[in-house]
C-alpha atoms as a PDB file:
ATOM      1  CA  MET A   1       0.000   0.000   0.000  1.00  0.00           C
ATOM      2  CA  ASP A   2       1.447   3.312  -1.047  1.00  0.00           C
ATOM      3  CA  LEU A   3       0.602   6.017   1.461  1.00  0.00           C
ATOM      4  CA  THR A   4       1.958   9.526   1.387  1.00  0.00           C
ATOM      5  CA  THR A   5       2.187  11.748   4.434  1.00  0.00           C
ATOM      6  CA  ASN A   6       2.502  15.502   4.541  1.00  0.00           C
ATOM      7  CA  LEU A   7       2.808  17.584   7.685  1.00  0.00           C
ATOM      8  CA  VAL A   8       0.712  20.773   7.737  1.00  0.00           C
ATOM      9  CA  GLY A   9       1.531  22.449  11.023  1.00  0.00           C
ATOM     10  CA  ASP A  10       0.830  19.764  13.611  1.00  0.00           C
ATOM     11  CA  VAL A  11      -1.642  17.916  11.369  1.00  0.00           C
ATOM     12  CA  VAL A  12      -0.440  14.957   9.342  1.00  0.00           C
ATOM     13  CA  VAL A  13      -2.241  14.481   6.024  1.00  0.00           C
ATOM     14  CA  VAL A  14      -2.308  10.861   4.880  1.00  0.00           C
ATOM     15  CA  ALA A  15      -3.251  10.037   1.293  1.00  0.00           C
ATOM     16  CA  PHE A  16      -3.181   7.022  -0.960  1.00  0.00           C
ATOM     17  CA  ALA A  17      -0.588   7.541  -3.700  1.00  0.00           C
ATOM     18  CA  ARG A  18      -2.647   5.763  -6.353  1.00  0.00           C
ATOM     19  CA  ALA A  19      -6.095   4.318  -6.962  1.00  0.00           C
ATOM     20  CA  THR A  20      -6.840   1.559  -4.488  1.00  0.00           C
ATOM     21  CA  SER A  21      -9.473  -0.162  -2.425  1.00  0.00           C
ATOM     22  CA  LEU A  22      -9.505  -0.385   1.342  1.00  0.00           C
ATOM     23  CA  GLU A  23     -10.241  -4.042   1.960  1.00  0.00           C
ATOM     24  CA  GLY A  24      -8.686  -7.236   3.265  1.00  0.00           C
ATOM     25  CA  ASP A  25      -4.933  -7.097   3.850  1.00  0.00           C
ATOM     26  CA  ARG A  26      -4.791  -3.470   2.722  1.00  0.00           C
ATOM     27  CA  SER A  27      -6.975  -2.568   5.698  1.00  0.00           C
ATOM     28  CA  ALA A  28      -4.562  -4.204   8.118  1.00  0.00           C
ATOM     29  CA  ARG A  29      -1.585  -2.436   6.510  1.00  0.00           C
ATOM     30  CA  PHE A  30      -3.439   0.893   6.658  1.00  0.00           C
ATOM     31  CA  LYS A  31      -4.203   0.377  10.347  1.00  0.00           C
ATOM     32  CA  ARG A  32      -0.531  -0.406  11.046  1.00  0.00           C
ATOM     33  CA  ALA A  33       0.530   2.749   9.176  1.00  0.00           C
ATOM     34  CA  ILE A  34      -1.783   4.898  11.313  1.00  0.00           C
ATOM     35  CA  ARG A  35      -0.488   3.163  14.457  1.00  0.00           C
ATOM     36  CA  GLU A  36       3.073   4.022  13.398  1.00  0.00           C
ATOM     37  CA  LEU A  37       2.101   7.687  12.996  1.00  0.00           C
ATOM     38  CA  ILE A  38       0.576   7.664  16.480  1.00  0.00           C
ATOM     39  CA  ASP A  39       3.722   6.019  17.877  1.00  0.00           C
ATOM     40  CA  GLU A  40       5.739   8.850  16.261  1.00  0.00           C
ATOM     41  CA  GLY A  41       3.669  11.345  18.233  1.00  0.00           C
ATOM     42  CA  HIS A  42       1.088  12.430  15.658  1.00  0.00           C
ATOM     43  CA  ARG A  43      -2.388  12.915  17.107  1.00  0.00           C
ATOM     44  CA  ARG A  44      -4.143  15.004  14.459  1.00  0.00           C
ATOM     45  CA  VAL A  45      -4.685  13.119  11.198  1.00  0.00           C
ATOM     46  CA  VAL A  46      -6.520  14.035   8.018  1.00  0.00           C
ATOM     47  CA  LEU A  47      -7.135  11.075   5.730  1.00  0.00           C
ATOM     48  CA  ASP A  48      -7.551  11.892   2.048  1.00  0.00           C
ATOM     49  CA  LEU A  49      -9.738   9.158   0.534  1.00  0.00           C
ATOM     50  CA  GLY A  50      -9.726  10.615  -2.986  1.00  0.00           C
ATOM     51  CA  GLU A  51      -8.005   7.555  -4.476  1.00  0.00           C
ATOM     52  CA  VAL A  52     -10.137   4.943  -2.672  1.00  0.00           C
ATOM     53  CA  ALA A  53     -12.615   3.400  -5.117  1.00  0.00           C
ATOM     54  CA  PHE A  54     -14.032   0.765  -2.765  1.00  0.00           C
ATOM     55  CA  ILE A  55     -14.197   0.040   0.960  1.00  0.00           C
ATOM     56  CA  ASP A  56     -15.446  -3.138   2.636  1.00  0.00           C
ATOM     57  CA  SER A  57     -16.201  -4.057   6.249  1.00  0.00           C
ATOM     58  CA  GLN A  58     -12.516  -4.606   7.040  1.00  0.00           C
ATOM     59  CA  GLY A  59     -11.732  -1.169   5.645  1.00  0.00           C
ATOM     60  CA  LEU A  60     -14.489   0.354   7.758  1.00  0.00           C
ATOM     61  CA  GLY A  61     -13.095  -1.496  10.756  1.00  0.00           C
ATOM     62  CA  ALA A  62      -9.636  -0.044  10.089  1.00  0.00           C
ATOM     63  CA  LEU A  63     -11.094   3.483   9.918  1.00  0.00           C
ATOM     64  CA  ILE A  64     -13.059   2.989  13.139  1.00  0.00           C
ATOM     65  CA  SER A  65     -10.075   1.464  14.922  1.00  0.00           C
ATOM     66  CA  SER A  66      -7.828   4.332  13.802  1.00  0.00           C
ATOM     67  CA  LEU A  67     -10.366   6.915  14.956  1.00  0.00           C
ATOM     68  CA  LYS A  68     -10.813   5.184  18.308  1.00  0.00           C
ATOM     69  CA  THR A  69      -7.060   4.891  18.867  1.00  0.00           C
ATOM     70  CA  LEU A  70      -6.456   8.543  17.987  1.00  0.00           C
ATOM     71  CA  ARG A  71      -9.250   9.734  20.262  1.00  0.00           C
ATOM     72  CA  ALA A  72      -7.895   7.610  23.112  1.00  0.00           C
ATOM     73  CA  GLU A  73      -4.608   9.492  22.614  1.00  0.00           C
ATOM     74  CA  GLU A  74      -6.485  12.834  22.724  1.00  0.00           C
ATOM     75  CA  GLY A  75      -6.308  13.175  18.946  1.00  0.00           C
ATOM     76  CA  ASP A  76      -8.742  12.881  16.072  1.00  0.00           C
ATOM     77  CA  LEU A  77      -9.167  11.685  12.503  1.00  0.00           C
ATOM     78  CA  LYS A  78     -10.932  13.712   9.830  1.00  0.00           C
ATOM     79  CA  LEU A  79     -11.758  12.560   6.304  1.00  0.00           C
ATOM     80  CA  VAL A  80     -11.420  14.589   3.125  1.00  0.00           C
ATOM     81  CA  ASN A  81     -12.164  13.989  -0.573  1.00  0.00           C
ATOM     82  CA  VAL A  82     -14.508  11.118   0.177  1.00  0.00           C
ATOM     83  CA  PRO A  83     -15.613   9.512  -3.121  1.00  0.00           C
ATOM     84  CA  GLU A  84     -19.326   8.886  -3.648  1.00  0.00           C
ATOM     85  CA  ALA A  85     -18.914   5.094  -3.403  1.00  0.00           C
ATOM     86  CA  VAL A  86     -17.208   5.394  -0.006  1.00  0.00           C
ATOM     87  CA  ASP A  87     -19.619   8.096   1.173  1.00  0.00           C
ATOM     88  CA  SER A  88     -22.503   5.806   0.273  1.00  0.00           C
ATOM     89  CA  VAL A  89     -21.104   3.040   2.464  1.00  0.00           C
ATOM     90  CA  LEU A  90     -20.544   5.497   5.330  1.00  0.00           C
ATOM     91  CA  ARG A  91     -24.143   6.698   5.062  1.00  0.00           C
ATOM     92  CA  ILE A  92     -25.656   3.195   4.794  1.00  0.00           C
ATOM     93  CA  THR A  93     -23.716   2.003   7.840  1.00  0.00           C
ATOM     94  CA  LYS A  94     -24.551   5.217   9.755  1.00  0.00           C
ATOM     95  CA  LEU A  95     -20.818   5.905  10.103  1.00  0.00           C
ATOM     96  CA  ALA A  96     -21.272   9.252   8.378  1.00  0.00           C
ATOM     97  CA  ARG A  97     -22.425  10.434  11.809  1.00  0.00           C
ATOM     98  CA  VAL A  98     -19.198   9.226  13.398  1.00  0.00           C
ATOM     99  CA  PHE A  99     -16.619  10.617  10.965  1.00  0.00           C
ATOM    100  CA  GLU A 100     -16.147  14.298  10.330  1.00  0.00           C
ATOM    101  CA  THR A 101     -15.766  14.758   6.575  1.00  0.00           C
ATOM    102  CA  HIS A 102     -14.697  17.735   4.486  1.00  0.00           C
ATOM    103  CA  GLU A 103     -14.621  18.470   0.784  1.00  0.00           C
ATOM    104  CA  GLU A 104     -11.482  20.634   0.939  1.00  0.00           C
ATOM    105  CA  LEU A 105      -8.147  19.789   2.529  1.00  0.00           C
ATOM    106  CA  ASP A 106      -7.787  23.285   4.007  1.00  0.00           C
ATOM    107  CA  ALA A 107     -11.153  22.909   5.759  1.00  0.00           C
ATOM    108  CA  ALA A 108     -10.188  19.509   7.186  1.00  0.00           C
ATOM    109  CA  VAL A 109      -6.857  20.783   8.491  1.00  0.00           C
ATOM    110  CA  GLY A 110      -8.498  23.978   9.771  1.00  0.00           C
ATOM    111  CA  ALA A 111     -11.094  21.959  11.674  1.00  0.00           C
ATOM    112  CA  PHE A 112      -8.384  21.129  14.206  1.00  0.00           C
ATOM    113  CA  ALA A 113      -7.968  24.807  15.146  1.00  0.00           C
END
């Protein structure tokens, strides 16, 4: 899984480097990558889902786990550039109420202020 990270102030922006799906083993690798960021001291994370074409229950589990872990560390996870297919799954599963989403990266980063 190719993830890119970019630090904007004290917010780390995580994005997928190319088109992908968040399912199966990719979900576990994503979760480990977020855990590594937390272990490095990052607590404020914006996840850019613009390149994610599909998400399954394991992918949702990885998002929930990452959010829960960050909040336990007094941090948070915000989503940006959520594709319609992923947004649909979030709405159907009622997780759209759990995750704060933004259309623009600046708004997502600014939401931590």
